[in-house]
Every structure is written in C-alpha cells, then in structure tokens.
Amino acid sequence: MGRGGVSLFVLCSAVAVFSGCDAIRERLSPTEPTSPQATPTLAPISIPVILPTPKPTPKPTPAPKPNPTPTPTPAPPSGGSCGVPPSNAPNPSCARESSALLGKVDKAITQLVQQQPEIFDLNNKLCENCYYVKQVSKYAAGVIRNLNAMGLCAQYDGEELAVKASNSSSEQFDILISSGYIRRGEGSYRLTCRPSWF
C-alpha cells in the first residue's frame, strides 16, 4: 500500500473511532430530565367519604287508650236539693198516721204529667190520672224536682219516695205500682217517721 493509502486508512479509522465514540457517548450520556411542563398534572381527586348515618331514636309508642266504658243506666235519683240538712237520726220511730204531705205529692205528680207528657202513656191508665210510666227514672226525678220547688226535700230509693218539710218528721210514699202505673191518693201514703230518717 502506498503512502496515500495509509493516510486514507488512518483518516477513515479516525473518523470511525470518532463516530463510534459519539455513538457511545450518546448512549452513555444520561437522559436529560423532562421539564415539569411536559408532564401533565392531574387534578386532585376528591374521594367522597361515606359515613354511616345514625339511626333515629324511635319515638315511644303511646299506650293504647282504653276502650270507653259504656255509660251505665242511671240509677233512680236518690234526692234533690233542698234547704233542710240531713237528719242522721239513729232510731226514728215510723208508723202509719195521717199524712201531712200527701196533697203536695199528688200535686207534684199532676204537674209532671203536664210538664213531661212524653214519659207517660196517656192512652193507657188505671184511673183518671194513673197513667202508665214509660221512663221511671225521669218520673221519679221530675216528682222530686217539683217537690223541691215547693220547699220540700225528697229522696227516691227505687221503691218508695221519702218526703220531709223539716227534720221533725218524714213521710214515705209508694208512687209507682209494680205493673208500672202511677199510684196516687191515700193508697200511695205508707207511713210517717219521727224524726226524719234522712
């Protein structure tokens, strides 16, 4: 090989070495860091936190209301209002005498027939004014109310009517016969108690 060929060979070898070195240098040189603007930033993600909801405290159930009790049938009236206090006599003496209050009891019955004819059957009678009584409790209450209006005290026990004007005496009357008709007149008077028993 001539001198010129050697030079070319050296030159080519040098270029090859340098080129190879550059290639090696490129492979060995560290990569440059990427700029922060090149990396996409992600928006912060808000993760919902689900907390258990407390159960509401149950309201107490009110106690059931008791069934209303039926209204009992009213008992016969025991008495009305009057100005004479109770007698509280421990041992009254009772006997049949002449009645001092019979006329007022008959008058109270007659007034009641006029005031409340609906409690009687006016087409059903045993005597002139002895009508059949359809509502006994109203009958007794009405007679007592009329006697009170006359200033007398009266009580009905379901069998007999007791009447007094003072505590010195009281009189017993049976103003209703067992078949349900008004009893009046001498036949209704029973006895007189001294002093008054009520």
C-alpha atoms as a PDB file:
ATOM      1  CA  MET A   1       0.000   0.000   0.000  1.00  0.00           C
ATOM      2  CA  GLY A   2       1.388   3.434  -0.813  1.00  0.00           C
ATOM      3  CA  ARG A   3       1.694   6.333   1.473  1.00  0.00           C
ATOM      4  CA  GLY A   4      -1.516   7.917   0.294  1.00  0.00           C
ATOM      5  CA  GLY A   5      -3.465   4.754   1.017  1.00  0.00           C
ATOM      6  CA  VAL A   6      -2.146   4.601   4.563  1.00  0.00           C
ATOM      7  CA  SER A   7      -3.193   8.157   5.192  1.00  0.00           C
ATOM      8  CA  LEU A   8      -6.694   7.476   3.960  1.00  0.00           C
ATOM      9  CA  PHE A   9      -6.862   4.390   6.088  1.00  0.00           C
ATOM     10  CA  VAL A  10      -5.780   6.308   9.163  1.00  0.00           C
ATOM     11  CA  LEU A  11      -8.230   9.050   8.387  1.00  0.00           C
ATOM     12  CA  CYS A  12     -11.046   6.597   7.892  1.00  0.00           C
ATOM     13  CA  SER A  13     -10.115   4.802  11.072  1.00  0.00           C
ATOM     14  CA  ALA A  14     -10.032   8.068  12.967  1.00  0.00           C
ATOM     15  CA  VAL A  15     -13.477   9.059  11.620  1.00  0.00           C
ATOM     16  CA  ALA A  16     -14.835   5.668  12.528  1.00  0.00           C
ATOM     17  CA  VAL A  17     -13.423   5.915  16.007  1.00  0.00           C
ATOM     18  CA  PHE A  18     -14.819   9.372  16.499  1.00  0.00           C
ATOM     19  CA  SER A  19     -18.189   8.416  15.110  1.00  0.00           C
ATOM     20  CA  GLY A  20     -18.281   5.358  17.306  1.00  0.00           C
ATOM     21  CA  CYS A  21     -17.250   7.425  20.264  1.00  0.00           C
ATOM     22  CA  ASP A  22     -20.059   9.847  19.576  1.00  0.00           C
ATOM     23  CA  ALA A  23     -22.497   6.975  19.347  1.00  0.00           C
ATOM     24  CA  ILE A  24     -21.141   5.521  22.540  1.00  0.00           C
ATOM     25  CA  ARG A  25     -21.194   8.941  24.143  1.00  0.00           C
ATOM     26  CA  GLU A  26     -24.831   9.374  23.122  1.00  0.00           C
ATOM     27  CA  ARG A  27     -25.717   6.012  24.565  1.00  0.00           C
ATOM     28  CA  LEU A  28     -23.836   6.609  27.792  1.00  0.00           C
ATOM     29  CA  SER A  29     -24.870  10.202  28.371  1.00  0.00           C
ATOM     30  CA  PRO A  30     -27.749  10.442  30.822  1.00  0.00           C
ATOM     31  CA  THR A  31     -31.078  11.498  29.511  1.00  0.00           C
ATOM     32  CA  GLU A  32     -31.965  14.994  30.362  1.00  0.00           C
ATOM     33  CA  PRO A  33     -34.816  15.351  32.830  1.00  0.00           C
ATOM     34  CA  THR A  34     -38.069  16.383  31.322  1.00  0.00           C
ATOM     35  CA  SER A  35     -39.380  19.742  32.268  1.00  0.00           C
ATOM     36  CA  PRO A  36     -42.291  19.842  34.673  1.00  0.00           C
ATOM     37  CA  GLN A  37     -44.429  21.458  31.994  1.00  0.00           C
ATOM     38  CA  ALA A  38     -44.033  18.416  29.791  1.00  0.00           C
ATOM     39  CA  THR A  39     -45.622  16.088  32.411  1.00  0.00           C
ATOM     40  CA  PRO A  40     -49.395  16.519  32.578  1.00  0.00           C
ATOM     41  CA  THR A  41     -50.530  17.241  36.085  1.00  0.00           C
ATOM     42  CA  LEU A  42     -53.654  15.522  37.276  1.00  0.00           C
ATOM     43  CA  ALA A  43     -56.326  17.443  39.149  1.00  0.00           C
ATOM     44  CA  PRO A  44     -56.703  16.319  42.713  1.00  0.00           C
ATOM     45  CA  ILE A  45     -59.405  13.742  43.061  1.00  0.00           C
ATOM     46  CA  SER A  46     -61.773  14.191  45.928  1.00  0.00           C
ATOM     47  CA  ILE A  47     -62.870  10.851  47.213  1.00  0.00           C
ATOM     48  CA  PRO A  48     -66.223  11.059  48.955  1.00  0.00           C
ATOM     49  CA  VAL A  49     -66.180   9.700  52.452  1.00  0.00           C
ATOM     50  CA  ILE A  50     -69.410   7.910  53.262  1.00  0.00           C
ATOM     51  CA  LEU A  51     -70.097   7.922  56.942  1.00  0.00           C
ATOM     52  CA  PRO A  52     -72.826   5.704  58.348  1.00  0.00           C
ATOM     53  CA  THR A  53     -75.907   7.748  59.188  1.00  0.00           C
ATOM     54  CA  PRO A  54     -77.096   7.212  62.742  1.00  0.00           C
ATOM     55  CA  LYS A  55     -80.486   5.569  63.026  1.00  0.00           C
ATOM     56  CA  PRO A  56     -83.089   7.884  64.530  1.00  0.00           C
ATOM     57  CA  THR A  57     -84.158   7.047  68.015  1.00  0.00           C
ATOM     58  CA  PRO A  58     -87.639   5.583  67.747  1.00  0.00           C
ATOM     59  CA  LYS A  59     -90.344   7.601  69.431  1.00  0.00           C
ATOM     60  CA  PRO A  60     -92.078   5.715  72.189  1.00  0.00           C
ATOM     61  CA  THR A  61     -95.438   4.381  71.137  1.00  0.00           C
ATOM     62  CA  PRO A  62     -98.145   5.896  73.305  1.00  0.00           C
ATOM     63  CA  ALA A  63    -100.062   3.459  75.393  1.00  0.00           C
ATOM     64  CA  PRO A  64    -103.313   2.469  73.743  1.00  0.00           C
ATOM     65  CA  LYS A  65    -106.312   4.308  75.010  1.00  0.00           C
ATOM     66  CA  PRO A  66    -108.627   2.088  76.950  1.00  0.00           C
ATOM     67  CA  ASN A  67    -111.936   1.375  75.334  1.00  0.00           C
ATOM     68  CA  PRO A  68    -114.510   3.742  76.686  1.00  0.00           C
ATOM     69  CA  THR A  69    -116.716   2.078  79.215  1.00  0.00           C
ATOM     70  CA  PRO A  70    -120.357   2.145  78.304  1.00  0.00           C
ATOM     71  CA  THR A  71    -122.446   4.645  80.170  1.00  0.00           C
ATOM     72  CA  PRO A  72    -124.294   2.733  82.819  1.00  0.00           C
ATOM     73  CA  THR A  73    -128.045   3.016  83.058  1.00  0.00           C
ATOM     74  CA  PRO A  74    -128.665   5.791  85.521  1.00  0.00           C
ATOM     75  CA  ALA A  75    -129.781   4.645  88.912  1.00  0.00           C
ATOM     76  CA  PRO A  76    -133.014   6.035  90.244  1.00  0.00           C
ATOM     77  CA  PRO A  77    -132.403   9.501  91.618  1.00  0.00           C
ATOM     78  CA  SER A  78    -131.725   9.475  95.344  1.00  0.00           C
ATOM     79  CA  GLY A  79    -132.729  13.010  96.073  1.00  0.00           C
ATOM     80  CA  GLY A  80    -132.940  16.575  95.000  1.00  0.00           C
ATOM     81  CA  SER A  81    -131.754  19.757  96.558  1.00  0.00           C
ATOM     82  CA  CYS A  82    -133.500  21.393  99.483  1.00  0.00           C
ATOM     83  CA  GLY A  83    -132.638  23.702 102.340  1.00  0.00           C
ATOM     84  CA  VAL A  84    -133.042  21.166 105.167  1.00  0.00           C
ATOM     85  CA  PRO A  85    -129.818  19.435 106.288  1.00  0.00           C
ATOM     86  CA  PRO A  86    -129.678  15.632 106.684  1.00  0.00           C
ATOM     87  CA  SER A  87    -131.272  14.335 109.872  1.00  0.00           C
ATOM     88  CA  ASN A  88    -128.928  11.448 110.655  1.00  0.00           C
ATOM     89  CA  ALA A  89    -131.437  10.197 113.230  1.00  0.00           C
ATOM     90  CA  PRO A  90    -130.146   6.845 114.534  1.00  0.00           C
ATOM     91  CA  ASN A  91    -133.522   5.292 115.508  1.00  0.00           C
ATOM     92  CA  PRO A  92    -136.562   7.062 114.048  1.00  0.00           C
ATOM     93  CA  SER A  93    -139.965   5.737 115.017  1.00  0.00           C
ATOM     94  CA  CYS A  94    -142.096   5.035 111.939  1.00  0.00           C
ATOM     95  CA  ALA A  95    -145.856   4.359 111.911  1.00  0.00           C
ATOM     96  CA  ARG A  96    -148.892   4.929 109.737  1.00  0.00           C
ATOM     97  CA  GLU A  97    -150.568   8.209 110.648  1.00  0.00           C
ATOM     98  CA  SER A  98    -152.495  10.855 108.795  1.00  0.00           C
ATOM     99  CA  SER A  99    -150.284  12.267 106.022  1.00  0.00           C
ATOM    100  CA  ALA A 100    -149.464  15.963 106.104  1.00  0.00           C
ATOM    101  CA  LEU A 101    -147.718  15.932 102.710  1.00  0.00           C
ATOM    102  CA  LEU A 102    -149.986  13.735 100.546  1.00  0.00           C
ATOM    103  CA  GLY A 103    -151.626  16.691  98.792  1.00  0.00           C
ATOM    104  CA  LYS A 104    -148.230  18.107  97.787  1.00  0.00           C
ATOM    105  CA  VAL A 105    -147.013  14.747  96.455  1.00  0.00           C
ATOM    106  CA  ASP A 106    -150.183  14.368  94.324  1.00  0.00           C
ATOM    107  CA  LYS A 107    -149.742  17.938  93.070  1.00  0.00           C
ATOM    108  CA  ALA A 108    -146.089  17.233  92.101  1.00  0.00           C
ATOM    109  CA  ILE A 109    -147.233  14.174  90.080  1.00  0.00           C
ATOM    110  CA  THR A 110    -150.006  16.105  88.319  1.00  0.00           C
ATOM    111  CA  GLN A 111    -147.584  18.906  87.419  1.00  0.00           C
ATOM    112  CA  LEU A 112    -145.106  16.397  86.000  1.00  0.00           C
ATOM    113  CA  VAL A 113    -147.738  14.843  83.703  1.00  0.00           C
ATOM    114  CA  GLN A 114    -148.325  18.357  82.304  1.00  0.00           C
ATOM    115  CA  GLN A 115    -144.617  19.220  82.124  1.00  0.00           C
ATOM    116  CA  GLN A 116    -143.337  15.973  80.552  1.00  0.00           C
ATOM    117  CA  PRO A 117    -146.222  14.055  78.991  1.00  0.00           C
ATOM    118  CA  GLU A 118    -143.739  12.077  76.833  1.00  0.00           C
ATOM    119  CA  ILE A 119    -142.592   9.985  79.806  1.00  0.00           C
ATOM    120  CA  PHE A 120    -146.126   8.621  80.252  1.00  0.00           C
ATOM    121  CA  ASP A 121    -148.505   6.653  78.035  1.00  0.00           C
ATOM    122  CA  LEU A 122    -151.519   8.957  78.286  1.00  0.00           C
ATOM    123  CA  ASN A 123    -153.694   6.440  76.409  1.00  0.00           C
ATOM    124  CA  ASN A 124    -153.004   3.729  78.995  1.00  0.00           C
ATOM    125  CA  LYS A 125    -154.305   4.410  82.504  1.00  0.00           C
ATOM    126  CA  LEU A 126    -155.769   2.593  85.527  1.00  0.00           C
ATOM    127  CA  CYS A 127    -157.581   5.595  86.992  1.00  0.00           C
ATOM    128  CA  GLU A 128    -158.282   9.182  85.971  1.00  0.00           C
ATOM    129  CA  ASN A 129    -154.672  10.332  86.467  1.00  0.00           C
ATOM    130  CA  CYS A 130    -152.922   6.974  86.901  1.00  0.00           C
ATOM    131  CA  TYR A 131    -151.018   6.702  83.622  1.00  0.00           C
ATOM    132  CA  TYR A 132    -148.509   4.060  82.602  1.00  0.00           C
ATOM    133  CA  VAL A 133    -144.968   5.340  83.263  1.00  0.00           C
ATOM    134  CA  LYS A 134    -142.621   4.745  80.284  1.00  0.00           C
ATOM    135  CA  GLN A 135    -139.498   6.234  81.924  1.00  0.00           C
ATOM    136  CA  VAL A 136    -139.363   5.549  85.658  1.00  0.00           C
ATOM    137  CA  SER A 137    -136.108   7.411  86.379  1.00  0.00           C
ATOM    138  CA  LYS A 138    -137.446  10.584  84.730  1.00  0.00           C
ATOM    139  CA  TYR A 139    -140.718  10.164  86.600  1.00  0.00           C
ATOM    140  CA  ALA A 140    -139.013   9.977  89.990  1.00  0.00           C
ATOM    141  CA  ALA A 141    -136.616  12.830  89.152  1.00  0.00           C
ATOM    142  CA  GLY A 142    -139.480  15.043  87.977  1.00  0.00           C
ATOM    143  CA  VAL A 143    -141.581  14.452  91.094  1.00  0.00           C
ATOM    144  CA  ILE A 144    -138.548  15.251  93.302  1.00  0.00           C
ATOM    145  CA  ARG A 145    -137.816  18.416  91.304  1.00  0.00           C
ATOM    146  CA  ASN A 146    -141.425  19.607  91.721  1.00  0.00           C
ATOM    147  CA  LEU A 147    -141.379  18.849  95.462  1.00  0.00           C
ATOM    148  CA  ASN A 148    -138.103  20.786  95.820  1.00  0.00           C
ATOM    149  CA  ALA A 149    -139.777  23.747  94.099  1.00  0.00           C
ATOM    150  CA  MET A 150    -142.407  23.623  96.889  1.00  0.00           C
ATOM    151  CA  GLY A 151    -139.649  23.821  99.528  1.00  0.00           C
ATOM    152  CA  LEU A 152    -139.732  20.112 100.400  1.00  0.00           C
ATOM    153  CA  CYS A 153    -136.897  17.589 100.477  1.00  0.00           C
ATOM    154  CA  ALA A 154    -137.368  14.234  98.760  1.00  0.00           C
ATOM    155  CA  GLN A 155    -135.495  11.018  98.016  1.00  0.00           C
ATOM    156  CA  TYR A 156    -136.417   8.000  95.911  1.00  0.00           C
ATOM    157  CA  ASP A 157    -134.784   4.604  96.510  1.00  0.00           C
ATOM    158  CA  GLY A 158    -136.365   2.750  93.597  1.00  0.00           C
ATOM    159  CA  GLU A 159    -139.262   1.573  95.753  1.00  0.00           C
ATOM    160  CA  GLU A 160    -140.516   4.460  97.849  1.00  0.00           C
ATOM    161  CA  LEU A 161    -140.391   8.243  97.861  1.00  0.00           C
ATOM    162  CA  ALA A 162    -139.403   9.887 101.164  1.00  0.00           C
ATOM    163  CA  VAL A 163    -140.534  13.489 101.679  1.00  0.00           C
ATOM    164  CA  LYS A 164    -139.933  15.984 104.507  1.00  0.00           C
ATOM    165  CA  ALA A 165    -140.514  19.648 105.253  1.00  0.00           C
ATOM    166  CA  SER A 166    -138.228  19.598 108.319  1.00  0.00           C
ATOM    167  CA  ASN A 167    -136.199  17.140 110.345  1.00  0.00           C
ATOM    168  CA  SER A 168    -139.015  16.636 112.847  1.00  0.00           C
ATOM    169  CA  SER A 169    -140.678  14.084 110.536  1.00  0.00           C
ATOM    170  CA  SER A 170    -140.603  12.486 107.092  1.00  0.00           C
ATOM    171  CA  GLU A 171    -143.251  10.576 105.157  1.00  0.00           C
ATOM    172  CA  GLN A 172    -142.966   7.546 102.858  1.00  0.00           C
ATOM    173  CA  PHE A 173    -144.939   7.194  99.615  1.00  0.00           C
ATOM    174  CA  ASP A 174    -145.176   4.422  97.029  1.00  0.00           C
ATOM    175  CA  ILE A 175    -145.863   6.393  93.848  1.00  0.00           C
ATOM    176  CA  LEU A 176    -145.495   3.534  91.324  1.00  0.00           C
ATOM    177  CA  ILE A 177    -147.278   0.185  91.364  1.00  0.00           C
ATOM    178  CA  SER A 178    -145.436  -2.953  90.286  1.00  0.00           C
ATOM    179  CA  SER A 179    -147.187  -3.050  86.890  1.00  0.00           C
ATOM    180  CA  GLY A 180    -145.707   0.362  86.044  1.00  0.00           C
ATOM    181  CA  TYR A 181    -148.632   2.748  86.624  1.00  0.00           C
ATOM    182  CA  ILE A 182    -148.744   5.906  88.746  1.00  0.00           C
ATOM    183  CA  ARG A 183    -150.022   5.316  92.253  1.00  0.00           C
ATOM    184  CA  ARG A 184    -151.593   8.342  93.927  1.00  0.00           C
ATOM    185  CA  GLY A 185    -154.027   9.330  96.664  1.00  0.00           C
ATOM    186  CA  GLU A 186    -154.387   7.636 100.037  1.00  0.00           C
ATOM    187  CA  GLY A 187    -153.121   4.372  98.567  1.00  0.00           C
ATOM    188  CA  SER A 188    -149.694   5.903  97.925  1.00  0.00           C
ATOM    189  CA  TYR A 189    -149.105   7.003 101.537  1.00  0.00           C
ATOM    190  CA  ARG A 190    -147.242   4.400 103.642  1.00  0.00           C
ATOM    191  CA  LEU A 191    -146.065   5.829 106.975  1.00  0.00           C
ATOM    192  CA  THR A 192    -144.550   8.733 108.887  1.00  0.00           C
ATOM    193  CA  CYS A 193    -141.152   8.621 110.638  1.00  0.00           C
ATOM    194  CA  ARG A 194    -140.307  10.819 113.654  1.00  0.00           C
ATOM    195  CA  PRO A 195    -137.745  12.339 113.485  1.00  0.00           C
ATOM    196  CA  SER A 196    -136.999  12.333 109.779  1.00  0.00           C
ATOM    197  CA  TRP A 197    -134.797   9.378 108.842  1.00  0.00           C
ATOM    198  CA  PHE A 198    -132.984  11.283 106.080  1.00  0.00           C
END
